Amino acid sequence: MTESPTIAVIIVGYDSGRVLQRCLDCVLGQSRRADLIIVVDNRSPDPSYLDEIPVTDAIRVIRLPHNAGFSHANNIAYASARECSYVLFLNPDAFLSERFLEDALARMEGSENSSVGCLTGTLLGFDVEHGRPTGLIDSTGIFQKWYGRWYDRGHGTQASSTGASDTAELPAACGALMLCRVRALEEASLRPGVVFDPSFFMYKEDIDLSLRLRAKGWRIVHAPELLCHHGRGWQGRDVASYRARYLSARNELRICLRHRLRGLPYSVVKLMYVMLFERMLLSGFRIPTSRTRTARVDR
């Protein structure tokens, strides 16, 4: 008799008190419950909101002694989830629709999808401040322009006009919502248990993992009917911090060099622009190390 597949949900947060409870309520309210939920706190200034989480055998909370970065924190949680069949990497400001896990699992278990290493759905915008959907698309997958820039397909467009109505293969999936087959993660790992590159403190780690999965022959797929609302940490470059822009540009160049992608001139110019011009707008900035307290914000 074939054993039923198991699913672990990993949520990495930093100062996520405004959104974590809504995220957990959506996970706990699934028509198909997760077998394991792991919440990792990246040394929030005030972690008291974690005290409200009902810790059980199936719900674990890991409090890190310092902000280890988004990638490393996910790796720490993954070490406890490797025995599961699937792992859902989920941002704390991402709110699953009620049947997400059930429908996603049915897709992944279909014989025609045995080569799918990562499945994502349609991320819809969510206004955290007012507690309501924006009616706009947040992401239907990550794509690359001909000159090298990575972008979230459909971002900012009306939810009914994305043109992404059919299942499609993707270059990369948004890290806010990645349901991964553990067997695929094990093959694409940098070393045992290390699925995200820990040198990517934040930004573009989802693209790097997606490319490594594809290099191992696994497919990245978008299923439009799998819905999840996402209260993205910032909306556009005009309100992003210098630190966030620097890390985004630096990691983009790393990806270009590692995977021998097009767009090297664009990535070099982008990083130089950030370092030489945008840095002039600030004083006393220091590039973060693995112990710098930096919140996770998204592309």
C-alpha atoms as a PDB file:
ATOM      1  CA  MET A   1       0.000   0.000   0.000  1.00  0.00           C
ATOM      2  CA  THR A   2       1.384   3.386  -1.055  1.00  0.00           C
ATOM      3  CA  GLU A   3       1.856   5.860   1.777  1.00  0.00           C
ATOM      4  CA  SER A   4       0.015   9.171   1.542  1.00  0.00           C
ATOM      5  CA  PRO A   5       2.274  12.125   0.687  1.00  0.00           C
ATOM      6  CA  THR A   6       3.091  14.549   3.475  1.00  0.00           C
ATOM      7  CA  ILE A   7       3.435  18.326   3.347  1.00  0.00           C
ATOM      8  CA  ALA A   8       5.481  20.670   5.511  1.00  0.00           C
ATOM      9  CA  VAL A   9       4.909  24.437   5.506  1.00  0.00           C
ATOM     10  CA  ILE A  10       7.894  26.650   6.323  1.00  0.00           C
ATOM     11  CA  ILE A  11       7.313  30.294   7.264  1.00  0.00           C
ATOM     12  CA  VAL A  12      10.294  32.587   7.892  1.00  0.00           C
ATOM     13  CA  GLY A  13       9.505  35.935   9.463  1.00  0.00           C
ATOM     14  CA  TYR A  14      11.093  39.038  10.857  1.00  0.00           C
ATOM     15  CA  ASP A  15       8.963  41.454  12.901  1.00  0.00           C
ATOM     16  CA  SER A  16       5.924  39.806  11.304  1.00  0.00           C
ATOM     17  CA  GLY A  17       3.368  40.368  14.046  1.00  0.00           C
ATOM     18  CA  ARG A  18       0.973  42.245  11.757  1.00  0.00           C
ATOM     19  CA  VAL A  19       0.590  39.363   9.322  1.00  0.00           C
ATOM     20  CA  LEU A  20       1.686  36.060  10.839  1.00  0.00           C
ATOM     21  CA  GLN A  21      -1.558  35.190  12.593  1.00  0.00           C
ATOM     22  CA  ARG A  22      -3.573  35.690   9.402  1.00  0.00           C
ATOM     23  CA  CYS A  23      -1.044  33.541   7.533  1.00  0.00           C
ATOM     24  CA  LEU A  24      -1.255  30.759  10.136  1.00  0.00           C
ATOM     25  CA  ASP A  25      -5.054  30.913  10.238  1.00  0.00           C
ATOM     26  CA  CYS A  26      -5.098  30.298   6.489  1.00  0.00           C
ATOM     27  CA  VAL A  27      -2.650  27.395   6.797  1.00  0.00           C
ATOM     28  CA  LEU A  28      -4.543  25.830   9.704  1.00  0.00           C
ATOM     29  CA  GLY A  29      -7.867  26.306   7.903  1.00  0.00           C
ATOM     30  CA  GLN A  30      -6.853  24.290   4.838  1.00  0.00           C
ATOM     31  CA  SER A  31      -9.202  21.608   3.552  1.00  0.00           C
ATOM     32  CA  ARG A  32      -6.123  19.383   3.511  1.00  0.00           C
ATOM     33  CA  ARG A  33      -4.125  20.123   6.637  1.00  0.00           C
ATOM     34  CA  ALA A  34      -0.353  20.410   6.576  1.00  0.00           C
ATOM     35  CA  ASP A  35       1.463  17.579   8.343  1.00  0.00           C
ATOM     36  CA  LEU A  36       4.085  19.927   9.752  1.00  0.00           C
ATOM     37  CA  ILE A  37       4.272  23.705  10.179  1.00  0.00           C
ATOM     38  CA  ILE A  38       7.573  25.357  11.050  1.00  0.00           C
ATOM     39  CA  VAL A  39       7.764  29.048  11.906  1.00  0.00           C
ATOM     40  CA  VAL A  40      11.239  30.592  12.066  1.00  0.00           C
ATOM     41  CA  ASP A  41      11.768  34.014  13.621  1.00  0.00           C
ATOM     42  CA  ASN A  42      14.866  35.855  12.389  1.00  0.00           C
ATOM     43  CA  ARG A  43      15.552  37.619  15.712  1.00  0.00           C
ATOM     44  CA  SER A  44      12.711  40.125  15.639  1.00  0.00           C
ATOM     45  CA  PRO A  45      13.154  43.186  17.870  1.00  0.00           C
ATOM     46  CA  ASP A  46       9.959  42.162  19.666  1.00  0.00           C
ATOM     47  CA  PRO A  47       9.211  38.457  19.187  1.00  0.00           C
ATOM     48  CA  SER A  48       6.339  38.409  21.693  1.00  0.00           C
ATOM     49  CA  TYR A  49       3.800  37.761  18.922  1.00  0.00           C
ATOM     50  CA  LEU A  50       5.268  34.263  18.651  1.00  0.00           C
ATOM     51  CA  ASP A  51       3.895  33.464  22.107  1.00  0.00           C
ATOM     52  CA  GLU A  52       0.415  33.223  20.587  1.00  0.00           C
ATOM     53  CA  ILE A  53       1.344  30.283  18.358  1.00  0.00           C
ATOM     54  CA  PRO A  54      -0.011  26.982  19.752  1.00  0.00           C
ATOM     55  CA  VAL A  55       3.113  24.811  19.693  1.00  0.00           C
ATOM     56  CA  THR A  56       2.335  21.105  19.166  1.00  0.00           C
ATOM     57  CA  ASP A  57       4.045  18.110  17.594  1.00  0.00           C
ATOM     58  CA  ALA A  58       2.853  19.420  14.231  1.00  0.00           C
ATOM     59  CA  ILE A  59       3.561  23.130  14.853  1.00  0.00           C
ATOM     60  CA  ARG A  60       7.094  24.174  15.707  1.00  0.00           C
ATOM     61  CA  VAL A  61       8.614  27.574  16.406  1.00  0.00           C
ATOM     62  CA  ILE A  62      12.318  28.239  15.953  1.00  0.00           C
ATOM     63  CA  ARG A  63      13.697  31.455  17.459  1.00  0.00           C
ATOM     64  CA  LEU A  64      17.086  32.276  16.002  1.00  0.00           C
ATOM     65  CA  PRO A  65      19.651  34.105  18.169  1.00  0.00           C
ATOM     66  CA  HIS A  66      20.419  36.553  15.350  1.00  0.00           C
ATOM     67  CA  ASN A  67      19.023  37.473  11.944  1.00  0.00           C
ATOM     68  CA  ALA A  68      20.577  34.752   9.824  1.00  0.00           C
ATOM     69  CA  GLY A  69      18.928  35.931   6.611  1.00  0.00           C
ATOM     70  CA  PHE A  70      15.976  34.582   4.690  1.00  0.00           C
ATOM     71  CA  SER A  71      17.872  31.798   2.926  1.00  0.00           C
ATOM     72  CA  HIS A  72      19.694  30.403   5.948  1.00  0.00           C
ATOM     73  CA  ALA A  73      16.551  30.524   8.103  1.00  0.00           C
ATOM     74  CA  ASN A  74      14.665  28.486   5.493  1.00  0.00           C
ATOM     75  CA  ASN A  75      17.510  25.978   5.396  1.00  0.00           C
ATOM     76  CA  ILE A  76      17.373  25.582   9.176  1.00  0.00           C
ATOM     77  CA  ALA A  77      13.665  24.768   8.998  1.00  0.00           C
ATOM     78  CA  TYR A  78      14.129  22.513   5.981  1.00  0.00           C
ATOM     79  CA  ALA A  79      16.442  20.288   8.022  1.00  0.00           C
ATOM     80  CA  SER A  80      13.361  19.299  10.066  1.00  0.00           C
ATOM     81  CA  ALA A  81      11.130  18.861   7.020  1.00  0.00           C
ATOM     82  CA  ARG A  82      13.260  16.661   4.755  1.00  0.00           C
ATOM     83  CA  GLU A  83      11.288  13.535   5.697  1.00  0.00           C
ATOM     84  CA  CYS A  84       8.133  14.992   4.148  1.00  0.00           C
ATOM     85  CA  SER A  85       7.160  14.513   0.516  1.00  0.00           C
ATOM     86  CA  TYR A  86       6.663  18.210  -0.163  1.00  0.00           C
ATOM     87  CA  VAL A  87       7.693  21.520   1.369  1.00  0.00           C
ATOM     88  CA  LEU A  88       5.780  24.759   0.904  1.00  0.00           C
ATOM     89  CA  PHE A  89       7.987  27.816   1.381  1.00  0.00           C
ATOM     90  CA  LEU A  90       5.526  30.530   2.386  1.00  0.00           C
ATOM     91  CA  ASN A  91       6.027  34.170   3.323  1.00  0.00           C
ATOM     92  CA  PRO A  92       4.316  35.339   6.535  1.00  0.00           C
ATOM     93  CA  ASP A  93       2.377  37.923   4.509  1.00  0.00           C
ATOM     94  CA  ALA A  94       1.033  35.269   2.120  1.00  0.00           C
ATOM     95  CA  PHE A  95      -2.505  34.013   2.766  1.00  0.00           C
ATOM     96  CA  LEU A  96      -3.542  30.725   1.158  1.00  0.00           C
ATOM     97  CA  SER A  97      -6.972  30.087  -0.285  1.00  0.00           C
ATOM     98  CA  GLU A  98      -8.834  27.336   1.590  1.00  0.00           C
ATOM     99  CA  ARG A  99      -8.194  24.503  -0.884  1.00  0.00           C
ATOM    100  CA  PHE A 100      -4.656  25.483  -1.871  1.00  0.00           C
ATOM    101  CA  LEU A 101      -2.807  22.530  -0.327  1.00  0.00           C
ATOM    102  CA  GLU A 102      -5.415  19.983  -1.388  1.00  0.00           C
ATOM    103  CA  ASP A 103      -5.526  21.141  -4.995  1.00  0.00           C
ATOM    104  CA  ALA A 104      -1.757  21.659  -5.226  1.00  0.00           C
ATOM    105  CA  LEU A 105      -1.083  18.180  -3.876  1.00  0.00           C
ATOM    106  CA  ALA A 106      -3.545  16.643  -6.361  1.00  0.00           C
ATOM    107  CA  ARG A 107      -1.650  18.337  -9.164  1.00  0.00           C
ATOM    108  CA  MET A 108       1.778  17.264  -7.969  1.00  0.00           C
ATOM    109  CA  GLU A 109       0.656  13.659  -7.480  1.00  0.00           C
ATOM    110  CA  GLY A 110      -0.717  13.397 -11.019  1.00  0.00           C
ATOM    111  CA  SER A 111       1.349  11.123 -13.249  1.00  0.00           C
ATOM    112  CA  GLU A 112       1.693  13.877 -15.861  1.00  0.00           C
ATOM    113  CA  ASN A 113       3.359  16.108 -13.266  1.00  0.00           C
ATOM    114  CA  SER A 114       5.978  13.693 -11.965  1.00  0.00           C
ATOM    115  CA  SER A 115       8.719  15.926 -13.417  1.00  0.00           C
ATOM    116  CA  VAL A 116       7.442  19.078 -11.665  1.00  0.00           C
ATOM    117  CA  GLY A 117       9.924  20.078  -8.991  1.00  0.00           C
ATOM    118  CA  CYS A 118       8.215  23.302  -7.954  1.00  0.00           C
ATOM    119  CA  LEU A 119       4.594  24.396  -8.228  1.00  0.00           C
ATOM    120  CA  THR A 120       3.342  27.904  -7.602  1.00  0.00           C
ATOM    121  CA  GLY A 121      -0.010  29.606  -7.942  1.00  0.00           C
ATOM    122  CA  THR A 122      -1.389  33.045  -8.658  1.00  0.00           C
ATOM    123  CA  LEU A 123      -0.303  35.590  -6.073  1.00  0.00           C
ATOM    124  CA  LEU A 124      -2.902  38.322  -5.631  1.00  0.00           C
ATOM    125  CA  GLY A 125      -2.140  41.668  -4.058  1.00  0.00           C
ATOM    126  CA  PHE A 126      -3.269  42.296  -0.487  1.00  0.00           C
ATOM    127  CA  ASP A 127      -3.429  45.587   1.425  1.00  0.00           C
ATOM    128  CA  VAL A 128      -2.212  44.628   4.897  1.00  0.00           C
ATOM    129  CA  GLU A 129      -2.938  48.032   6.412  1.00  0.00           C
ATOM    130  CA  HIS A 130      -6.631  47.891   5.480  1.00  0.00           C
ATOM    131  CA  GLY A 131      -6.963  44.097   5.557  1.00  0.00           C
ATOM    132  CA  ARG A 132      -8.347  43.657   2.060  1.00  0.00           C
ATOM    133  CA  PRO A 133      -7.374  42.438  -1.430  1.00  0.00           C
ATOM    134  CA  THR A 134      -6.145  45.049  -3.880  1.00  0.00           C
ATOM    135  CA  GLY A 135      -7.735  43.457  -6.927  1.00  0.00           C
ATOM    136  CA  LEU A 136      -4.324  43.407  -8.615  1.00  0.00           C
ATOM    137  CA  ILE A 137      -1.928  40.637  -9.531  1.00  0.00           C
ATOM    138  CA  ASP A 138       1.238  40.350  -7.447  1.00  0.00           C
ATOM    139  CA  SER A 139       2.981  37.570  -9.399  1.00  0.00           C
ATOM    140  CA  THR A 140       2.238  34.700 -11.758  1.00  0.00           C
ATOM    141  CA  GLY A 141       5.866  33.648 -11.977  1.00  0.00           C
ATOM    142  CA  ILE A 142       9.242  35.276 -12.515  1.00  0.00           C
ATOM    143  CA  PHE A 143      10.525  35.983 -16.019  1.00  0.00           C
ATOM    144  CA  GLN A 144      13.583  37.644 -17.541  1.00  0.00           C
ATOM    145  CA  LYS A 145      13.673  40.421 -20.114  1.00  0.00           C
ATOM    146  CA  TRP A 146      15.864  39.953 -23.167  1.00  0.00           C
ATOM    147  CA  TYR A 147      18.448  42.344 -21.718  1.00  0.00           C
ATOM    148  CA  GLY A 148      18.560  40.564 -18.350  1.00  0.00           C
ATOM    149  CA  ARG A 149      16.141  42.190 -15.895  1.00  0.00           C
ATOM    150  CA  TRP A 150      14.038  39.799 -13.798  1.00  0.00           C
ATOM    151  CA  TYR A 151      10.420  40.717 -13.109  1.00  0.00           C
ATOM    152  CA  ASP A 152       7.200  39.292 -11.659  1.00  0.00           C
ATOM    153  CA  ARG A 153       4.815  38.574 -14.519  1.00  0.00           C
ATOM    154  CA  GLY A 154       1.542  40.455 -14.279  1.00  0.00           C
ATOM    155  CA  HIS A 155       2.575  42.550 -11.281  1.00  0.00           C
ATOM    156  CA  GLY A 156       0.233  45.507 -10.812  1.00  0.00           C
ATOM    157  CA  THR A 157      -2.274  44.458 -13.481  1.00  0.00           C
ATOM    158  CA  GLN A 158      -5.937  43.760 -12.875  1.00  0.00           C
ATOM    159  CA  ALA A 159      -6.541  40.216 -11.651  1.00  0.00           C
ATOM    160  CA  SER A 160      -8.864  39.480 -14.581  1.00  0.00           C
ATOM    161  CA  SER A 161      -6.450  40.646 -17.274  1.00  0.00           C
ATOM    162  CA  THR A 162      -3.225  38.741 -16.677  1.00  0.00           C
ATOM    163  CA  GLY A 163      -3.478  36.503 -19.720  1.00  0.00           C
ATOM    164  CA  ALA A 164      -2.160  33.652 -17.553  1.00  0.00           C
ATOM    165  CA  SER A 165      -5.204  31.398 -17.520  1.00  0.00           C
ATOM    166  CA  ASP A 166      -3.501  28.140 -18.411  1.00  0.00           C
ATOM    167  CA  THR A 167      -0.903  26.031 -16.673  1.00  0.00           C
ATOM    168  CA  ALA A 168       2.506  27.143 -17.877  1.00  0.00           C
ATOM    169  CA  GLU A 169       6.145  26.419 -17.239  1.00  0.00           C
ATOM    170  CA  LEU A 170       8.175  29.199 -15.659  1.00  0.00           C
ATOM    171  CA  PRO A 171      11.797  30.295 -15.628  1.00  0.00           C
ATOM    172  CA  ALA A 172      11.429  30.824 -11.863  1.00  0.00           C
ATOM    173  CA  ALA A 173       8.825  30.943  -9.082  1.00  0.00           C
ATOM    174  CA  CYS A 174       8.315  33.694  -6.521  1.00  0.00           C
ATOM    175  CA  GLY A 175       9.778  32.697  -3.153  1.00  0.00           C
ATOM    176  CA  ALA A 176       6.661  33.856  -1.325  1.00  0.00           C
ATOM    177  CA  LEU A 177       4.873  30.718  -2.570  1.00  0.00           C
ATOM    178  CA  MET A 178       6.928  27.706  -3.639  1.00  0.00           C
ATOM    179  CA  LEU A 179       5.569  24.187  -3.222  1.00  0.00           C
ATOM    180  CA  CYS A 180       8.594  21.973  -3.847  1.00  0.00           C
ATOM    181  CA  ARG A 181       8.995  18.245  -4.207  1.00  0.00           C
ATOM    182  CA  VAL A 182      11.555  17.190  -1.593  1.00  0.00           C
ATOM    183  CA  ARG A 183      13.172  14.723  -3.975  1.00  0.00           C
ATOM    184  CA  ALA A 184      13.801  17.612  -6.365  1.00  0.00           C
ATOM    185  CA  LEU A 185      15.163  19.826  -3.593  1.00  0.00           C
ATOM    186  CA  GLU A 186      17.565  17.109  -2.524  1.00  0.00           C
ATOM    187  CA  GLU A 187      18.921  16.855  -6.053  1.00  0.00           C
ATOM    188  CA  ALA A 188      19.257  20.631  -6.460  1.00  0.00           C
ATOM    189  CA  SER A 189      20.734  21.299  -3.006  1.00  0.00           C
ATOM    190  CA  LEU A 190      24.111  23.008  -2.790  1.00  0.00           C
ATOM    191  CA  ARG A 191      24.996  20.425  -0.154  1.00  0.00           C
ATOM    192  CA  PRO A 192      22.822  18.147   2.021  1.00  0.00           C
ATOM    193  CA  GLY A 193      20.035  20.214   3.579  1.00  0.00           C
ATOM    194  CA  VAL A 194      21.090  23.504   1.951  1.00  0.00           C
ATOM    195  CA  VAL A 195      18.428  24.367  -0.624  1.00  0.00           C
ATOM    196  CA  PHE A 196      18.742  28.164  -0.620  1.00  0.00           C
ATOM    197  CA  ASP A 197      22.168  29.746  -1.014  1.00  0.00           C
ATOM    198  CA  PRO A 198      22.886  31.196   2.466  1.00  0.00           C
ATOM    199  CA  SER A 199      25.110  33.888   0.936  1.00  0.00           C
ATOM    200  CA  PHE A 200      21.913  35.392  -0.504  1.00  0.00           C
ATOM    201  CA  PHE A 201      20.873  37.174   2.686  1.00  0.00           C
ATOM    202  CA  MET A 202      17.662  38.220   0.955  1.00  0.00           C
ATOM    203  CA  TYR A 203      16.491  38.744  -2.646  1.00  0.00           C
ATOM    204  CA  LYS A 204      16.769  36.554  -5.722  1.00  0.00           C
ATOM    205  CA  GLU A 205      17.320  33.339  -3.734  1.00  0.00           C
ATOM    206  CA  ASP A 206      14.107  32.037  -5.297  1.00  0.00           C
ATOM    207  CA  ILE A 207      15.473  32.576  -8.806  1.00  0.00           C
ATOM    208  CA  ASP A 208      18.732  30.840  -7.942  1.00  0.00           C
ATOM    209  CA  LEU A 209      16.910  27.806  -6.530  1.00  0.00           C
ATOM    210  CA  SER A 210      14.545  27.680  -9.504  1.00  0.00           C
ATOM    211  CA  LEU A 211      17.453  27.688 -11.942  1.00  0.00           C
ATOM    212  CA  ARG A 212      19.211  24.917 -10.029  1.00  0.00           C
ATOM    213  CA  LEU A 213      16.040  22.828 -10.086  1.00  0.00           C
ATOM    214  CA  ARG A 214      15.704  23.311 -13.828  1.00  0.00           C
ATOM    215  CA  ALA A 215      19.370  22.455 -14.345  1.00  0.00           C
ATOM    216  CA  LYS A 216      18.628  19.081 -12.734  1.00  0.00           C
ATOM    217  CA  GLY A 217      15.781  18.462 -15.178  1.00  0.00           C
ATOM    218  CA  TRP A 218      12.890  19.523 -12.924  1.00  0.00           C
ATOM    219  CA  ARG A 219      10.076  21.747 -14.175  1.00  0.00           C
ATOM    220  CA  ILE A 220       8.800  24.955 -12.532  1.00  0.00           C
ATOM    221  CA  VAL A 221       5.051  25.272 -13.103  1.00  0.00           C
ATOM    222  CA  HIS A 222       2.388  27.931 -12.512  1.00  0.00           C
ATOM    223  CA  ALA A 223      -1.169  26.714 -11.840  1.00  0.00           C
ATOM    224  CA  PRO A 224      -3.456  29.781 -12.171  1.00  0.00           C
ATOM    225  CA  GLU A 225      -6.323  28.307 -10.134  1.00  0.00           C
ATOM    226  CA  LEU A 226      -4.133  28.009  -7.016  1.00  0.00           C
ATOM    227  CA  LEU A 227      -4.759  31.348  -5.328  1.00  0.00           C
ATOM    228  CA  CYS A 228      -2.873  33.099  -2.556  1.00  0.00           C
ATOM    229  CA  HIS A 229      -3.006  36.727  -1.428  1.00  0.00           C
ATOM    230  CA  HIS A 230       0.305  38.442  -0.801  1.00  0.00           C
ATOM    231  CA  GLY A 231       0.926  41.660   1.149  1.00  0.00           C
ATOM    232  CA  ARG A 232       4.272  42.382  -0.506  1.00  0.00           C
ATOM    233  CA  GLY A 233       6.714  44.072   1.846  1.00  0.00           C
ATOM    234  CA  TRP A 234       7.258  47.097  -0.372  1.00  0.00           C
ATOM    235  CA  GLN A 235       5.718  48.388  -3.559  1.00  0.00           C
ATOM    236  CA  GLY A 236       8.298  49.523  -6.061  1.00  0.00           C
ATOM    237  CA  ARG A 237      11.864  50.792  -6.015  1.00  0.00           C
ATOM    238  CA  ASP A 238      10.898  54.310  -4.978  1.00  0.00           C
ATOM    239  CA  VAL A 239      10.269  53.125  -1.394  1.00  0.00           C
ATOM    240  CA  ALA A 240      12.913  50.372  -1.176  1.00  0.00           C
ATOM    241  CA  SER A 241      15.875  50.957   1.126  1.00  0.00           C
ATOM    242  CA  TYR A 242      19.399  51.279  -0.221  1.00  0.00           C
ATOM    243  CA  ARG A 243      20.293  48.015   1.497  1.00  0.00           C
ATOM    244  CA  ALA A 244      17.476  46.215  -0.286  1.00  0.00           C
ATOM    245  CA  ARG A 245      18.499  47.655  -3.658  1.00  0.00           C
ATOM    246  CA  TYR A 246      22.129  46.756  -3.108  1.00  0.00           C
ATOM    247  CA  LEU A 247      21.380  43.145  -2.170  1.00  0.00           C
ATOM    248  CA  SER A 248      18.968  42.773  -5.073  1.00  0.00           C
ATOM    249  CA  ALA A 249      21.513  44.061  -7.587  1.00  0.00           C
ATOM    250  CA  ARG A 250      24.409  42.110  -6.097  1.00  0.00           C
ATOM    251  CA  ASN A 251      22.536  38.816  -6.081  1.00  0.00           C
ATOM    252  CA  GLU A 252      21.264  39.401  -9.598  1.00  0.00           C
ATOM    253  CA  LEU A 253      24.859  39.663 -10.797  1.00  0.00           C
ATOM    254  CA  ARG A 254      25.793  36.521  -8.855  1.00  0.00           C
ATOM    255  CA  ILE A 255      23.001  34.604 -10.557  1.00  0.00           C
ATOM    256  CA  CYS A 256      24.056  35.850 -13.969  1.00  0.00           C
ATOM    257  CA  LEU A 257      27.633  34.673 -13.412  1.00  0.00           C
ATOM    258  CA  ARG A 258      26.736  31.376 -11.722  1.00  0.00           C
ATOM    259  CA  HIS A 259      24.212  30.254 -14.324  1.00  0.00           C
ATOM    260  CA  ARG A 260      25.912  31.900 -17.323  1.00  0.00           C
ATOM    261  CA  LEU A 261      22.806  33.850 -18.232  1.00  0.00           C
ATOM    262  CA  ARG A 262      22.308  36.680 -20.657  1.00  0.00           C
ATOM    263  CA  GLY A 263      22.267  40.157 -19.202  1.00  0.00           C
ATOM    264  CA  LEU A 264      25.752  40.436 -17.714  1.00  0.00           C
ATOM    265  CA  PRO A 265      26.213  44.063 -18.910  1.00  0.00           C
ATOM    266  CA  TYR A 266      22.840  45.030 -17.461  1.00  0.00           C
ATOM    267  CA  SER A 267      23.607  43.373 -14.098  1.00  0.00           C
ATOM    268  CA  VAL A 268      27.024  45.030 -13.853  1.00  0.00           C
ATOM    269  CA  VAL A 269      25.671  48.482 -14.691  1.00  0.00           C
ATOM    270  CA  LYS A 270      22.779  48.057 -12.269  1.00  0.00           C
ATOM    271  CA  LEU A 271      25.070  47.157  -9.374  1.00  0.00           C
ATOM    272  CA  MET A 272      27.483  49.998 -10.163  1.00  0.00           C
ATOM    273  CA  TYR A 273      24.606  52.459 -10.335  1.00  0.00           C
ATOM    274  CA  VAL A 274      23.298  51.362  -6.951  1.00  0.00           C
ATOM    275  CA  MET A 275      26.722  51.476  -5.324  1.00  0.00           C
ATOM    276  CA  LEU A 276      27.980  54.700  -6.868  1.00  0.00           C
ATOM    277  CA  PHE A 277      24.884  56.870  -7.176  1.00  0.00           C
ATOM    278  CA  GLU A 278      22.203  55.641  -4.804  1.00  0.00           C
ATOM    279  CA  ARG A 279      24.744  55.229  -2.026  1.00  0.00           C
ATOM    280  CA  MET A 280      25.534  58.937  -2.291  1.00  0.00           C
ATOM    281  CA  LEU A 281      22.008  59.654  -1.076  1.00  0.00           C
ATOM    282  CA  LEU A 282      22.784  58.100   2.276  1.00  0.00           C
ATOM    283  CA  SER A 283      25.585  58.543   4.754  1.00  0.00           C
ATOM    284  CA  GLY A 284      27.204  56.028   7.054  1.00  0.00           C
ATOM    285  CA  PHE A 285      25.824  52.964   5.229  1.00  0.00           C
ATOM    286  CA  ARG A 286      27.526  49.625   5.879  1.00  0.00           C
ATOM    287  CA  ILE A 287      26.895  46.568   3.701  1.00  0.00           C
ATOM    288  CA  PRO A 288      25.076  43.993   5.887  1.00  0.00           C
ATOM    289  CA  THR A 289      26.753  40.848   7.138  1.00  0.00           C
ATOM    290  CA  SER A 290      24.983  37.635   8.113  1.00  0.00           C
ATOM    291  CA  ARG A 291      24.386  39.118  11.569  1.00  0.00           C
ATOM    292  CA  THR A 292      22.954  42.453  10.445  1.00  0.00           C
ATOM    293  CA  ARG A 293      19.311  42.822  11.418  1.00  0.00           C
ATOM    294  CA  THR A 294      17.561  43.214   8.116  1.00  0.00           C
ATOM    295  CA  ALA A 295      13.892  42.593   7.476  1.00  0.00           C
ATOM    296  CA  ARG A 296      12.836  40.335   4.630  1.00  0.00           C
ATOM    297  CA  VAL A 297      11.286  42.403   1.857  1.00  0.00           C
ATOM    298  CA  ASP A 298      10.309  41.174  -1.539  1.00  0.00           C
ATOM    299  CA  ARG A 299      11.115  41.959  -5.116  1.00  0.00           C
END
